[in-house]
Structures are given as structure tokens and as C-alpha cells.
Amino acid sequence: MPDLDDLLDIRTRRPAAIAAAASARRRPTGLFGPHGKLMIIAADHPARGALRAGDDPLAMANRVDLLDRIRTALARPGVNGVLGTPDILEDLLLLGALDDKVVIGSMNRGGLAGTSFEIDDRFTAYDAESITTAGFEGGKMLLRIDPADAGTVSTLEACGSAVSALAARRRMAMVEPFISHRVDGRVRNELTAEAMIRAMSVAAGLGTTSAYTWLKVPVVRDMERVMASTTLPALILGGEGEAAYGEWRKALDLPTVQGLVIGRSLLYPASGSVTDAVDRAVSLL
């Protein structure tokens, strides 16, 4: 496991070492791994207060254990990227785990899970300037469109500005769009082909240019029709259980799908080790 004492010593007494580690990081020569796809480990859940994995509501609450799982995943052949918030990415920088990896900074984490303001998803983490200063390859934003929640328009505007700012710096803007609704007070994403087509169409038009925009989307029914709605490159997210692997495999056959962005189902697999889960996902590429 990571040495907690070393991390605490740096954070307490030498915080400037974080920027130095970012500057010294060996950047990847391109976005794609040896398999010609992107394989990104997602680890930005805790900043939204989403700590659940499987049946454990606080599975991601032990930070040293989480870092150990992420480092194990990043060390596996074929894994060439990570997505996270500043706290996690900076720990990984200090641990020397980000050399040659595509690093995507998570940007809007203000729409905390279970809150009344969840749809008004403020940008509270990275911005385009800090991503560029750190030498990272891009930024990711969540865009949930709730037709009944006026907070949606603020998130739309903020995402549009972030897409423009990232593109101006030639950084990837990874947009994760959904049509969402409140059901019994909780925000639920509508996982139908029609809803995803609509959400992706809105996301693709954000910003002053789409030149650096990628989409991050779930697998739903009729994925061929869903992915036919855009010419933007896309990455497949999430999924749980044994069926997820089959869904990822089918989605990866579609021409616009350029890889996977998977988090909890690989870091906290229902069975087997992190290594086994990650290697199986990589084999699909």
C-alpha cells in the first residue's frame, strides 16, 4: 500500500512538491495505448460524496486502500489513463504513478449526490487553466439535463464555457451527458436510446468548437442507433456485474467508440482481484 507517512509529510511540510511532481511527470506520446484504444481508470467519485461500490456504502472511504487499488490498475498492461479530482491525482503524482499515462482532470463536482442542488452542477475542481498548468491531457465534465429543473441551464452554460476553454488550450473536453429526472427525490438518469441520442446531441454542440470534444456514454439498448447520432469520438463508461463485459465488447465494435472509462466495477470487483478485473477489461480492446 502507499506510504501514508510519506504523503502526509509532503502535504504538511512540502506542498510545493506537488507542482514539482506534475512538472516532472513523463507525459504520454499519444492518447492511445498499444491496443489502439483508450483504457482509463475513473476515480472521481468521492468528491461528489459517492463512496458506494457494490453493497458497501463506504467502500471508497479508505483513501490509502483506494490509492492502492488505483495504482494496481494503472500498472496493468494496456491501462493508459486515469480520471480524477485534484486530491486523488496529486496523491498519484507524489507516488510516481502517472508517468506515461493520459491524465484527465474532473471539473464539475458541485452537484453532490442526494442534494436539492444536484442538477446545478458547479465547477468546483479543475478548470482549463489548472489542467494545462499541470500538464494533463484533458478535463471531464458531467452534464445532466433535467427538463423540470431550472438548474440545468447553469450547468449547460458552465460546460459550454469549459469546452471552449479546454479547446483553446488544445486539451480534450470529455463530456458525460444524460437526460435526468427526479424520482422520489433522487436524480435518476434515463437510460434509453432516445434519451441518450438527445443528450449526446446537446453535448456535441457545446462550446465555440467541438474539435477537442469527446463523449463519455453508458451502454444502452440499440447502441448502434445511439452512436450513429454523432461523429465525435466516444468512450464507454461504467456498468456492473458479469453482463457489463459483454456490453463493453459489443460497444467497442462501433466505429466512434474509442475505448473505456471504468471505475468502481474494476477497482472494487464483485469477485476476484483488481488485477483480474482490469486484465479482463483490457482484453476486450
Protein backbone atom coordinates (compact mmCIF):
# COMPACT_ATOMS: atom_id res chain seq x y z
CA MET A 1 0.00 0.00 0.00
CA PRO A 2 1.10 3.63 -0.38
CA ASP A 3 3.16 5.00 2.50
CA LEU A 4 0.73 7.30 4.29
CA ASP A 5 3.51 8.86 6.38
CA ASP A 6 5.36 9.97 3.24
CA LEU A 7 2.24 11.53 1.72
CA LEU A 8 1.39 13.32 4.95
CA ASP A 9 4.95 14.61 5.29
CA ILE A 10 4.86 16.13 1.81
CA ARG A 11 1.37 17.57 2.18
CA THR A 12 2.18 19.01 5.59
CA ARG A 13 5.70 20.29 5.11
CA ARG A 14 6.44 20.41 1.36
CA PRO A 15 3.22 21.14 -0.56
CA ALA A 16 5.18 22.71 -3.43
CA ALA A 17 6.37 19.19 -4.21
CA ILE A 18 3.00 18.55 -5.87
CA ALA A 19 3.58 21.13 -8.60
CA ALA A 20 7.15 19.89 -8.98
CA ALA A 21 5.91 16.33 -9.45
CA ALA A 22 3.44 17.49 -12.11
CA SER A 23 6.20 19.34 -13.93
CA ALA A 24 8.49 16.31 -13.81
CA ARG A 25 5.84 13.83 -14.94
CA ARG A 26 6.71 11.98 -18.14
CA ARG A 27 3.79 12.68 -20.45
CA PRO A 28 2.39 10.09 -22.87
CA THR A 29 3.37 10.28 -26.53
CA GLY A 30 -0.28 10.00 -27.56
CA LEU A 31 -3.79 9.29 -26.35
CA PHE A 32 -3.92 5.63 -27.30
CA GLY A 33 -2.40 2.52 -25.82
CA PRO A 34 -0.75 -0.37 -27.68
CA HIS A 35 -4.21 -1.73 -28.47
CA GLY A 36 -5.11 1.47 -30.33
CA LYS A 37 -7.76 2.46 -27.77
CA LEU A 38 -8.01 4.44 -24.53
CA MET A 39 -8.29 2.47 -21.29
CA ILE A 40 -8.95 4.91 -18.46
CA ILE A 41 -9.50 4.18 -14.77
CA ALA A 42 -12.14 6.52 -13.33
CA ALA A 43 -11.61 7.66 -9.74
CA ASP A 44 -13.51 10.91 -9.34
CA HIS A 45 -16.49 9.56 -7.40
CA PRO A 46 -15.52 10.52 -3.82
CA ALA A 47 -15.55 14.27 -4.48
CA ARG A 48 -19.27 14.03 -5.21
CA GLY A 49 -19.82 12.13 -1.97
CA ALA A 50 -20.46 8.93 -3.95
CA LEU A 51 -18.50 6.33 -1.99
CA ARG A 52 -20.59 3.24 -2.65
CA ALA A 53 -19.29 0.19 -4.51
CA GLY A 54 -21.48 -2.87 -4.68
CA ASP A 55 -23.29 -3.36 -1.37
CA ASP A 56 -20.82 -1.31 0.67
CA PRO A 57 -21.97 2.33 1.05
CA LEU A 58 -18.48 3.43 2.16
CA ALA A 59 -16.29 1.20 0.02
CA MET A 60 -14.25 4.12 -1.33
CA ALA A 61 -13.89 5.85 2.05
CA ASN A 62 -10.46 4.41 2.87
CA ARG A 63 -8.16 6.65 0.84
CA VAL A 64 -4.98 4.58 1.22
CA ASP A 65 -6.85 1.46 0.09
CA LEU A 66 -8.36 3.38 -2.84
CA LEU A 67 -4.94 4.66 -3.93
CA ASP A 68 -3.54 1.15 -3.74
CA ARG A 69 -6.33 -0.15 -5.97
CA ILE A 70 -5.83 2.66 -8.49
CA ARG A 71 -2.07 2.09 -8.62
CA THR A 72 -2.62 -1.63 -9.13
CA ALA A 73 -4.97 -0.89 -12.03
CA LEU A 74 -2.65 1.69 -13.62
CA ALA A 75 0.26 -0.73 -13.51
CA ARG A 76 -1.53 -3.34 -15.61
CA PRO A 77 -0.53 -3.66 -19.29
CA GLY A 78 -2.92 -1.83 -21.58
CA VAL A 79 -4.18 0.66 -18.98
CA ASN A 80 -3.05 4.05 -20.25
CA GLY A 81 -5.10 6.66 -18.39
CA VAL A 82 -6.78 7.88 -15.23
CA LEU A 83 -9.60 10.29 -14.43
CA GLY A 84 -9.70 12.01 -11.06
CA THR A 85 -10.09 15.09 -8.91
CA PRO A 86 -7.10 17.13 -7.66
CA ASP A 87 -6.77 15.34 -4.32
CA ILE A 88 -6.52 11.90 -5.90
CA LEU A 89 -4.39 12.88 -8.91
CA GLU A 90 -1.96 14.76 -6.67
CA ASP A 91 -1.51 11.73 -4.42
CA LEU A 92 -0.85 9.64 -7.53
CA LEU A 93 1.66 12.23 -8.78
CA LEU A 94 3.53 12.06 -5.48
CA LEU A 95 3.53 8.28 -5.68
CA GLY A 96 5.00 8.38 -9.20
CA ALA A 97 2.03 6.55 -10.71
CA LEU A 98 1.19 8.93 -13.58
CA ASP A 99 4.23 8.71 -15.85
CA ASP A 100 3.24 7.94 -19.46
CA LYS A 101 -0.46 7.99 -18.53
CA VAL A 102 -3.24 10.06 -20.08
CA VAL A 103 -4.46 12.18 -17.16
CA ILE A 104 -7.95 13.70 -17.22
CA GLY A 105 -8.92 16.17 -14.51
CA SER A 106 -12.51 16.05 -13.25
CA MET A 107 -14.03 19.54 -13.28
CA ASN A 108 -17.61 19.91 -12.02
CA ARG A 109 -18.22 18.13 -8.73
CA GLY A 110 -20.61 20.59 -7.10
CA GLY A 111 -23.77 18.61 -7.85
CA LEU A 112 -23.45 16.49 -4.74
CA ALA A 113 -25.36 13.23 -4.73
CA GLY A 114 -28.70 13.42 -2.97
CA THR A 115 -28.86 17.21 -2.63
CA SER A 116 -31.54 19.64 -3.75
CA PHE A 117 -28.95 21.37 -5.96
CA GLU A 118 -27.62 18.22 -7.62
CA ILE A 119 -28.51 19.32 -11.17
CA ASP A 120 -26.92 22.78 -10.75
CA ASP A 121 -23.54 21.11 -11.11
CA ARG A 122 -20.99 23.80 -10.30
CA PHE A 123 -17.36 23.62 -11.40
CA THR A 124 -15.61 23.17 -8.08
CA ALA A 125 -12.48 21.19 -9.02
CA TYR A 126 -10.19 21.64 -12.03
CA ASP A 127 -10.57 24.34 -14.66
CA ALA A 128 -8.91 24.54 -18.08
CA GLU A 129 -6.04 26.70 -16.82
CA SER A 130 -5.09 24.41 -13.95
CA ILE A 131 -5.33 21.33 -16.18
CA THR A 132 -2.95 22.95 -18.64
CA THR A 133 -0.58 24.14 -15.92
CA ALA A 134 -0.41 20.62 -14.50
CA GLY A 135 0.37 19.24 -17.96
CA PHE A 136 -2.69 16.99 -18.01
CA GLU A 137 -4.29 15.84 -21.25
CA GLY A 138 -7.87 16.96 -20.69
CA GLY A 139 -10.82 17.68 -18.48
CA LYS A 140 -14.06 15.83 -17.83
CA MET A 141 -17.47 17.28 -17.03
CA LEU A 142 -20.86 15.75 -16.18
CA LEU A 143 -23.91 17.22 -17.92
CA ARG A 144 -27.27 16.09 -16.53
CA ILE A 145 -30.22 17.68 -18.33
CA ASP A 146 -33.39 17.69 -16.25
CA PRO A 147 -36.31 19.25 -18.17
CA ALA A 148 -38.03 20.02 -14.86
CA ASP A 149 -35.05 21.61 -13.09
CA ALA A 150 -34.01 25.17 -13.97
CA GLY A 151 -30.56 24.44 -12.54
CA THR A 152 -29.83 22.64 -15.81
CA VAL A 153 -29.22 25.88 -17.69
CA SER A 154 -26.41 26.94 -15.35
CA THR A 155 -24.68 23.61 -15.87
CA LEU A 156 -25.15 23.87 -19.64
CA GLU A 157 -23.58 27.30 -19.69
CA ALA A 158 -20.68 26.26 -17.49
CA CYS A 159 -19.99 23.15 -19.57
CA GLY A 160 -20.07 25.20 -22.77
CA SER A 161 -17.51 27.61 -21.32
CA ALA A 162 -15.31 24.73 -20.15
CA VAL A 163 -15.39 23.06 -23.58
CA SER A 164 -14.30 26.34 -25.18
CA ALA A 165 -11.54 26.95 -22.63
CA LEU A 166 -10.12 23.43 -22.98
CA ALA A 167 -10.23 23.59 -26.77
CA ALA A 168 -8.40 26.93 -26.75
CA ARG A 169 -5.59 25.10 -24.94
CA ARG A 170 -5.83 22.04 -27.20
CA ARG A 171 -6.97 19.82 -24.35
CA MET A 172 -9.60 17.09 -24.54
CA ALA A 173 -13.04 18.07 -23.25
CA MET A 174 -14.69 14.84 -22.08
CA VAL A 175 -18.44 15.44 -21.69
CA GLU A 176 -20.69 12.88 -19.96
CA PRO A 177 -24.30 13.73 -20.92
CA PHE A 178 -27.60 12.37 -19.60
CA ILE A 179 -31.27 13.21 -19.63
CA SER A 180 -32.20 13.05 -15.94
CA HIS A 181 -35.31 13.20 -13.77
CA ARG A 182 -36.04 13.29 -10.06
CA VAL A 183 -37.75 10.11 -8.91
CA ASP A 184 -38.82 10.04 -5.26
CA GLY A 185 -36.47 12.95 -4.63
CA ARG A 186 -33.40 11.34 -6.21
CA VAL A 187 -31.83 12.15 -9.59
CA ARG A 188 -32.08 9.22 -11.98
CA ASN A 189 -30.59 9.08 -15.47
CA GLU A 190 -32.88 8.00 -18.31
CA LEU A 191 -31.01 5.14 -19.96
CA THR A 192 -32.94 4.76 -23.21
CA ALA A 193 -31.69 5.14 -26.76
CA GLU A 194 -33.90 8.17 -27.35
CA ALA A 195 -32.72 9.93 -24.19
CA MET A 196 -29.05 9.28 -24.93
CA ILE A 197 -29.39 10.49 -28.52
CA ARG A 198 -30.93 13.72 -27.27
CA ALA A 199 -28.34 14.22 -24.52
CA MET A 200 -25.40 13.48 -26.85
CA SER A 201 -26.76 15.85 -29.47
CA VAL A 202 -26.89 18.67 -26.92
CA ALA A 203 -23.41 17.88 -25.58
CA ALA A 204 -21.86 17.81 -29.05
CA GLY A 205 -22.99 21.38 -29.70
CA LEU A 206 -21.47 22.90 -26.57
CA GLY A 207 -18.69 25.47 -26.81
CA THR A 208 -17.14 27.52 -29.58
CA THR A 209 -15.68 24.42 -31.26
CA SER A 210 -16.15 20.67 -30.99
CA ALA A 211 -12.63 19.94 -32.26
CA TYR A 212 -11.45 18.61 -28.89
CA THR A 213 -14.77 17.26 -27.56
CA TRP A 214 -15.16 13.59 -26.67
CA LEU A 215 -18.29 11.97 -25.24
CA LYS A 216 -18.44 9.59 -22.27
CA VAL A 217 -21.55 7.45 -22.51
CA PRO A 218 -23.17 4.36 -20.97
CA VAL A 219 -24.21 1.26 -22.85
CA VAL A 220 -27.96 1.25 -23.52
CA ARG A 221 -30.24 -0.70 -25.82
CA ASP A 222 -29.81 -0.04 -29.54
CA MET A 223 -26.28 1.33 -29.19
CA GLU A 224 -25.78 1.27 -32.96
CA ARG A 225 -28.51 3.89 -33.35
CA VAL A 226 -27.24 5.87 -30.37
CA MET A 227 -23.69 6.11 -31.66
CA ALA A 228 -24.90 6.93 -35.17
CA SER A 229 -26.15 10.25 -33.77
CA THR A 230 -22.64 11.75 -33.58
CA THR A 231 -19.29 11.88 -35.34
CA LEU A 232 -17.49 12.76 -32.10
CA PRO A 233 -15.22 10.12 -30.55
CA ALA A 234 -16.76 8.37 -27.57
CA LEU A 235 -15.68 6.37 -24.55
CA ILE A 236 -17.88 3.82 -22.79
CA LEU A 237 -18.45 4.24 -19.06
CA GLY A 238 -19.38 2.07 -16.12
CA GLY A 239 -21.60 -0.93 -15.91
CA GLU A 240 -21.79 -3.55 -13.20
CA GLY A 241 -21.72 -7.30 -12.97
CA GLU A 242 -20.84 -10.04 -15.41
CA ALA A 243 -23.07 -8.65 -18.15
CA ALA A 244 -21.03 -5.44 -18.35
CA TYR A 245 -18.12 -7.16 -20.08
CA GLY A 246 -20.34 -8.39 -22.90
CA GLU A 247 -21.89 -4.93 -23.26
CA TRP A 248 -18.47 -3.28 -23.42
CA ARG A 249 -17.30 -5.77 -26.03
CA LYS A 250 -20.25 -5.07 -28.34
CA ALA A 251 -19.95 -1.29 -27.91
CA LEU A 252 -16.24 -1.36 -28.76
CA ASP A 253 -17.11 -2.73 -32.21
CA LEU A 254 -18.83 0.56 -33.09
CA PRO A 255 -16.65 2.93 -35.15
CA THR A 256 -16.96 6.02 -32.95
CA VAL A 257 -16.17 4.15 -29.72
CA GLN A 258 -12.51 4.69 -28.88
CA GLY A 259 -12.16 2.96 -25.53
CA LEU A 260 -13.37 2.53 -21.95
CA VAL A 261 -13.57 4.74 -18.84
CA ILE A 262 -14.33 2.35 -15.99
CA GLY A 263 -14.15 2.95 -12.25
CA ARG A 264 -15.77 1.11 -9.39
CA SER A 265 -16.55 -2.12 -11.24
CA LEU A 266 -12.81 -2.62 -11.81
CA LEU A 267 -11.46 -1.09 -8.61
CA TYR A 268 -14.00 -2.93 -6.43
CA PRO A 269 -14.95 -6.03 -8.45
CA ALA A 270 -17.78 -8.19 -7.19
CA SER A 271 -15.46 -11.20 -7.41
CA GLY A 272 -11.76 -11.73 -8.00
CA SER A 273 -8.98 -9.20 -7.71
CA VAL A 274 -8.47 -5.75 -9.19
CA THR A 275 -5.79 -7.26 -11.44
CA ASP A 276 -8.18 -9.90 -12.77
CA ALA A 277 -10.96 -7.40 -13.45
CA VAL A 278 -8.68 -4.91 -15.17
CA ASP A 279 -6.93 -7.51 -17.32
CA ARG A 280 -10.26 -8.85 -18.46
CA ALA A 281 -11.45 -5.37 -19.46
CA VAL A 282 -8.19 -4.70 -21.31
CA SER A 283 -8.60 -7.97 -23.22
CA LEU A 284 -11.76 -6.55 -24.80
CA LEU A 285 -9.66 -3.91 -26.53
